[in-house]
Amino acid sequence: MAKLPFVDTHVHFYDLRRKDLVYSWLQPDYIHPQLGDINSVKTLVYAADAYLAETRFANVSKVVHVQAALGAPDPVTETIWLEEMAQRTGCPDAIVAYADLSSPQVEETLVRHLEASSRVRGIRDFGEGDYLVTPEWSRGYALLERYDLVCDLDCLWENMGKARDVAARFPNSTMVLEHSGYPRSRSDDYFRDWSKGLARLAEAENTWCKISGLGMYDHFWTVESWRRWLLTCIETFGVERCFFGTNWPIDRLYSSFDPVLDAYEELISVFTSDEQEALFFKNATAVYRLG
């Protein structure tokens, strides 16, 4: 059981009963292209009440919700729903909302997110194709500084050099690499390529690494199977630019909640107390302005 307070920086809530919210990845006949069968998490509703009950012994101090609705007509609908939930339950504490940064209307969407909830701290964009190098996406990304929004970026190692270039062009914006860069294989060759990609991205000092979701491609994980991946993230970005998340409830497919935090604690047990606190809650508190 985690001893340190824990800021969970990657949680998804959903309500499949609502017609104004769409979760394409949770539809009954949808097979996830990477994870395969995820039917066991396709409950009708997973919201703050269930998460708080499930994690009540884990010393979770703050929660960051990351966009779960995918395909909804209006992305701000999810933010409105989350704000209502937060007013009722106190959770989530911060929201990373969805916006299509390539859209000509993206600024209007950002403004409406911020009007819908003072908890909005960042944006995630599931861009398609080689979007990191398009001028349209860059124009949208440039707006994040104006509105003091973090970019939570889904990025594989192959594209980390391009992500570094984006971060370098916008040094006053914070870019957070999600899920340790989604390492999709546990082979030695993949590890070498992934490590090189991380190093390229970390060259931009305004980039951070969210260590989370490691179970997605390591379904029978152990502390030892996570060791080199987690520690390489920290060695590459430094303790001062890393923090943890769980990807809950998706990673419940591969573990219960407490063992994830126990693994994090064990793997950084040789770090100083200040370093452990930075990774468990202080860094995330600063990045997502949770203080």
Protein backbone atom coordinates (compact mmCIF):
# COMPACT_ATOMS: atom_id res chain seq x y z
CA MET A 1 0.00 0.00 0.00
CA ALA A 2 1.42 3.36 -1.03
CA LYS A 3 2.84 5.39 1.83
CA LEU A 4 3.33 8.62 -0.09
CA PRO A 5 0.45 10.79 -1.28
CA PHE A 6 -0.16 9.99 -4.94
CA VAL A 7 -1.31 12.28 -7.74
CA ASP A 8 -2.85 10.00 -10.35
CA THR A 9 -2.19 11.84 -13.59
CA HIS A 10 -4.01 9.53 -15.97
CA VAL A 11 -7.56 8.39 -15.25
CA HIS A 12 -10.52 7.85 -17.59
CA PHE A 13 -14.20 8.15 -16.65
CA TYR A 14 -17.07 7.30 -18.95
CA ASP A 15 -20.84 6.90 -19.08
CA LEU A 16 -22.11 4.83 -21.99
CA ARG A 17 -25.71 5.70 -21.15
CA ARG A 18 -25.28 9.25 -22.40
CA LYS A 19 -26.17 9.91 -26.01
CA ASP A 20 -24.22 13.20 -26.17
CA LEU A 21 -20.93 11.48 -25.31
CA VAL A 22 -19.36 8.95 -27.67
CA TYR A 23 -16.70 6.42 -26.70
CA SER A 24 -15.84 4.67 -29.93
CA TRP A 25 -13.20 2.50 -28.24
CA LEU A 26 -15.75 1.15 -25.73
CA GLN A 27 -18.38 -0.02 -28.17
CA PRO A 28 -19.38 -3.71 -27.75
CA ASP A 29 -18.03 -4.83 -31.13
CA TYR A 30 -14.85 -2.75 -31.06
CA ILE A 31 -11.55 -4.64 -30.85
CA HIS A 32 -8.70 -2.39 -29.79
CA PRO A 33 -6.02 -2.45 -32.53
CA GLN A 34 -3.17 -2.75 -30.04
CA LEU A 35 -4.67 -4.12 -26.83
CA GLY A 36 -7.13 -6.57 -28.36
CA ASP A 37 -10.06 -7.66 -26.19
CA ILE A 38 -10.79 -5.04 -23.52
CA ASN A 39 -14.36 -6.18 -22.83
CA SER A 40 -13.80 -6.53 -19.09
CA VAL A 41 -13.53 -2.73 -18.69
CA LYS A 42 -16.55 -1.99 -20.91
CA THR A 43 -18.86 -1.37 -17.99
CA LEU A 44 -21.84 0.89 -18.56
CA VAL A 45 -20.42 3.56 -16.26
CA TYR A 46 -17.03 4.16 -14.69
CA ALA A 47 -16.98 7.47 -12.87
CA ALA A 48 -15.49 9.19 -9.83
CA ASP A 49 -17.62 7.29 -7.31
CA ALA A 50 -16.28 3.93 -8.49
CA TYR A 51 -12.70 5.16 -8.75
CA LEU A 52 -12.72 6.68 -5.26
CA ALA A 53 -14.13 3.46 -3.80
CA GLU A 54 -11.62 1.31 -5.67
CA THR A 55 -8.62 3.40 -4.60
CA ARG A 56 -9.69 4.32 -1.09
CA PHE A 57 -6.69 2.64 0.57
CA ALA A 58 -4.10 3.84 -1.97
CA ASN A 59 -3.50 7.36 -0.59
CA VAL A 60 -4.57 9.08 -3.82
CA SER A 61 -4.48 12.80 -3.13
CA LYS A 62 -5.40 14.29 -6.53
CA VAL A 63 -6.72 12.99 -9.84
CA VAL A 64 -6.16 14.20 -13.40
CA HIS A 65 -8.78 13.05 -15.88
CA VAL A 66 -7.54 12.57 -19.42
CA GLN A 67 -10.00 12.68 -22.31
CA ALA A 68 -11.93 9.44 -22.72
CA ALA A 69 -14.77 10.46 -25.04
CA LEU A 70 -13.79 9.85 -28.64
CA GLY A 71 -16.09 10.70 -31.52
CA ALA A 72 -18.50 12.97 -29.63
CA PRO A 73 -20.04 15.78 -31.71
CA ASP A 74 -18.79 18.41 -29.25
CA PRO A 75 -15.68 17.71 -27.11
CA VAL A 76 -16.74 20.32 -24.56
CA THR A 77 -19.64 18.08 -23.53
CA GLU A 78 -17.20 15.81 -21.72
CA THR A 79 -15.71 18.76 -19.83
CA ILE A 80 -19.16 19.90 -18.72
CA TRP A 81 -19.96 16.36 -17.50
CA LEU A 82 -16.65 16.12 -15.61
CA GLU A 83 -17.15 19.51 -13.98
CA GLU A 84 -20.58 18.46 -12.74
CA MET A 85 -19.02 15.26 -11.39
CA ALA A 86 -16.24 17.19 -9.67
CA GLN A 87 -18.68 19.55 -8.00
CA ARG A 88 -20.54 16.54 -6.62
CA THR A 89 -17.61 14.30 -5.64
CA GLY A 90 -14.50 16.49 -5.58
CA CYS A 91 -13.00 14.35 -8.36
CA PRO A 92 -11.35 14.92 -10.79
CA ASP A 93 -9.12 17.77 -9.64
CA ALA A 94 -7.86 18.58 -13.14
CA ILE A 95 -8.96 17.85 -16.69
CA VAL A 96 -6.99 17.20 -19.85
CA ALA A 97 -9.63 17.79 -22.50
CA TYR A 98 -9.80 16.92 -26.18
CA ALA A 99 -9.32 19.41 -28.99
CA ASP A 100 -8.39 18.98 -32.63
CA LEU A 101 -5.42 21.32 -32.81
CA SER A 102 -5.53 21.23 -36.62
CA SER A 103 -9.07 22.59 -36.74
CA PRO A 104 -9.66 26.19 -37.84
CA GLN A 105 -12.10 26.42 -34.91
CA VAL A 106 -9.66 25.15 -32.28
CA GLU A 107 -9.37 28.45 -30.41
CA GLU A 108 -13.13 28.58 -29.93
CA THR A 109 -13.00 25.02 -28.56
CA LEU A 110 -10.22 25.90 -26.10
CA VAL A 111 -12.12 28.93 -24.84
CA ARG A 112 -15.29 26.92 -24.36
CA HIS A 113 -13.41 24.21 -22.43
CA LEU A 114 -12.03 26.84 -20.08
CA GLU A 115 -15.43 28.47 -19.68
CA ALA A 116 -16.97 25.08 -18.88
CA SER A 117 -14.52 24.26 -16.09
CA SER A 118 -11.76 26.01 -14.18
CA ARG A 119 -10.18 22.56 -13.77
CA VAL A 120 -9.07 22.33 -17.40
CA ARG A 121 -5.28 22.19 -17.42
CA GLY A 122 -4.38 20.62 -20.72
CA ILE A 123 -5.31 19.29 -24.13
CA ARG A 124 -4.91 15.92 -25.79
CA ASP A 125 -5.26 15.56 -29.54
CA PHE A 126 -5.38 12.16 -31.21
CA GLY A 127 -4.01 13.54 -34.44
CA GLU A 128 -3.87 11.38 -37.55
CA GLY A 129 -0.99 10.82 -39.92
CA ASP A 130 2.17 12.91 -39.77
CA TYR A 131 0.37 15.72 -37.95
CA LEU A 132 3.34 16.86 -35.83
CA VAL A 133 4.93 18.52 -38.85
CA THR A 134 1.85 20.18 -40.37
CA PRO A 135 1.47 23.98 -40.17
CA GLU A 136 -2.20 23.60 -39.21
CA TRP A 137 -1.34 21.57 -36.10
CA SER A 138 1.47 23.95 -35.17
CA ARG A 139 -0.91 26.91 -35.34
CA GLY A 140 -3.23 25.14 -32.92
CA TYR A 141 -0.36 24.13 -30.65
CA ALA A 142 0.79 27.76 -30.49
CA LEU A 143 -2.49 28.65 -28.77
CA LEU A 144 -1.70 26.45 -25.77
CA GLU A 145 0.75 29.01 -24.39
CA ARG A 146 -1.84 31.77 -24.70
CA TYR A 147 -4.31 29.79 -22.61
CA ASP A 148 -1.76 28.25 -20.21
CA LEU A 149 -2.56 24.70 -21.28
CA VAL A 150 -0.33 21.62 -21.17
CA CYS A 151 -0.15 19.31 -24.19
CA ASP A 152 -0.55 15.64 -23.23
CA LEU A 153 1.02 13.96 -26.25
CA ASP A 154 0.53 10.41 -27.52
CA CYS A 155 3.80 9.66 -29.27
CA LEU A 156 5.73 6.53 -30.23
CA TRP A 157 9.53 6.52 -30.28
CA GLU A 158 9.57 6.90 -34.07
CA ASN A 159 8.05 10.39 -33.77
CA MET A 160 9.86 11.69 -30.69
CA GLY A 161 12.35 13.69 -32.74
CA LYS A 162 9.46 15.52 -34.38
CA ALA A 163 7.84 16.09 -30.98
CA ARG A 164 11.13 17.52 -29.70
CA ASP A 165 11.17 19.97 -32.60
CA VAL A 166 7.64 21.10 -31.75
CA ALA A 167 8.57 21.59 -28.10
CA ALA A 168 11.69 23.54 -29.10
CA ARG A 169 9.67 25.90 -31.30
CA PHE A 170 7.35 26.65 -28.37
CA PRO A 171 9.66 26.79 -25.33
CA ASN A 172 7.05 28.41 -23.08
CA SER A 173 4.59 25.52 -23.47
CA THR A 174 4.74 22.27 -21.51
CA MET A 175 4.65 18.98 -23.42
CA VAL A 176 3.94 15.78 -21.49
CA LEU A 177 4.78 12.45 -23.08
CA GLU A 178 1.98 10.05 -22.20
CA HIS A 179 2.47 6.46 -21.07
CA SER A 180 6.27 6.54 -21.28
CA GLY A 181 5.94 6.75 -25.05
CA TYR A 182 3.84 3.59 -25.38
CA PRO A 183 6.65 1.00 -25.53
CA ARG A 184 4.88 -1.64 -27.60
CA SER A 185 7.44 -4.41 -27.39
CA ARG A 186 9.67 -5.69 -24.60
CA SER A 187 12.47 -6.87 -26.89
CA ASP A 188 16.04 -5.62 -26.53
CA ASP A 189 15.97 -4.11 -30.02
CA TYR A 190 12.80 -2.16 -29.25
CA PHE A 191 14.25 -1.01 -25.95
CA ARG A 192 17.29 0.45 -27.71
CA ASP A 193 15.16 2.30 -30.27
CA TRP A 194 12.74 3.52 -27.64
CA SER A 195 15.58 4.72 -25.41
CA LYS A 196 17.07 6.72 -28.29
CA GLY A 197 13.66 8.25 -28.99
CA LEU A 198 13.25 9.28 -25.35
CA ALA A 199 16.69 10.89 -25.39
CA ARG A 200 15.79 12.92 -28.48
CA LEU A 201 12.56 14.20 -26.91
CA ALA A 202 14.23 14.99 -23.60
CA GLU A 203 16.60 17.37 -25.37
CA ALA A 204 13.78 19.92 -25.19
CA GLU A 205 13.78 21.10 -21.58
CA ASN A 206 10.05 21.85 -21.60
CA THR A 207 9.15 18.17 -22.10
CA TRP A 208 8.06 15.83 -19.31
CA CYS A 209 7.55 12.08 -19.09
CA LYS A 210 4.38 10.62 -17.62
CA ILE A 211 5.25 7.11 -16.46
CA SER A 212 2.00 5.21 -16.79
CA GLY A 213 0.24 2.50 -18.73
CA LEU A 214 3.21 0.12 -18.61
CA GLY A 215 0.86 -2.84 -18.28
CA MET A 216 -0.75 -2.25 -21.67
CA TYR A 217 2.01 -4.09 -23.52
CA ASP A 218 3.28 -6.17 -20.60
CA HIS A 219 0.16 -8.02 -19.51
CA PHE A 220 1.85 -10.34 -17.01
CA TRP A 221 4.18 -7.69 -15.68
CA THR A 222 6.36 -7.90 -12.62
CA VAL A 223 8.41 -5.28 -10.82
CA GLU A 224 11.46 -6.62 -12.61
CA SER A 225 9.85 -6.48 -16.06
CA TRP A 226 9.08 -2.81 -15.48
CA ARG A 227 12.45 -1.91 -14.00
CA ARG A 228 14.51 -0.87 -17.01
CA TRP A 229 11.63 0.92 -18.71
CA LEU A 230 10.69 3.00 -15.69
CA LEU A 231 14.24 3.77 -14.63
CA THR A 232 15.26 4.70 -18.18
CA CYS A 233 12.47 7.29 -18.25
CA ILE A 234 13.80 8.81 -15.04
CA GLU A 235 17.45 8.61 -16.11
CA THR A 236 16.63 10.29 -19.42
CA PHE A 237 14.33 13.11 -18.29
CA GLY A 238 15.62 13.39 -14.74
CA VAL A 239 13.62 13.09 -11.55
CA GLU A 240 12.61 16.72 -11.94
CA ARG A 241 10.74 16.03 -15.24
CA CYS A 242 8.91 12.77 -14.51
CA PHE A 243 5.79 11.74 -12.63
CA PHE A 244 3.49 8.74 -12.34
CA GLY A 245 -0.03 7.82 -13.47
CA THR A 246 -2.08 4.63 -13.66
CA ASN A 247 -4.18 4.69 -16.85
CA TRP A 248 -7.12 3.52 -14.75
CA PRO A 249 -9.36 1.63 -15.34
CA ILE A 250 -7.71 0.38 -18.57
CA ASP A 251 -4.70 -1.04 -16.78
CA ARG A 252 -7.05 -2.91 -14.45
CA LEU A 253 -7.01 -5.44 -17.27
CA TYR A 254 -3.52 -6.36 -16.08
CA SER A 255 -3.48 -5.58 -12.36
CA SER A 256 -5.36 -4.29 -9.38
CA PHE A 257 -4.63 -0.72 -8.32
CA ASP A 258 -2.44 -1.05 -5.23
CA PRO A 259 0.22 -3.29 -6.85
CA VAL A 260 0.90 -0.58 -9.45
CA LEU A 261 1.71 1.98 -6.77
CA ASP A 262 3.64 -0.63 -4.79
CA ALA A 263 5.75 -1.33 -7.88
CA TYR A 264 6.46 2.38 -8.34
CA GLU A 265 7.51 2.66 -4.69
CA GLU A 266 9.75 -0.38 -4.86
CA LEU A 267 11.45 0.71 -8.06
CA ILE A 268 12.35 4.14 -6.66
CA SER A 269 13.04 2.98 -3.11
CA VAL A 270 16.76 3.80 -3.50
CA PHE A 271 15.95 7.42 -4.39
CA THR A 272 16.06 10.17 -1.78
CA SER A 273 12.83 11.08 0.01
CA ASP A 274 12.71 14.37 -1.90
CA GLU A 275 13.04 12.53 -5.20
CA GLN A 276 10.33 10.05 -4.29
CA GLU A 277 7.98 12.86 -3.32
CA ALA A 278 8.71 14.65 -6.59
CA LEU A 279 7.78 11.58 -8.61
CA PHE A 280 4.68 10.68 -6.58
CA PHE A 281 3.06 14.07 -6.23
CA LYS A 282 5.17 17.25 -6.32
CA ASN A 283 6.04 17.32 -10.03
CA ALA A 284 2.49 16.53 -11.15
CA THR A 285 1.14 19.15 -8.76
CA ALA A 286 3.33 21.75 -10.47
CA VAL A 287 2.66 20.68 -14.07
CA TYR A 288 -1.13 20.47 -13.68
CA ARG A 289 -1.33 23.38 -11.20
CA LEU A 290 -2.98 21.35 -8.46
CA GLY A 291 -1.67 23.30 -5.49
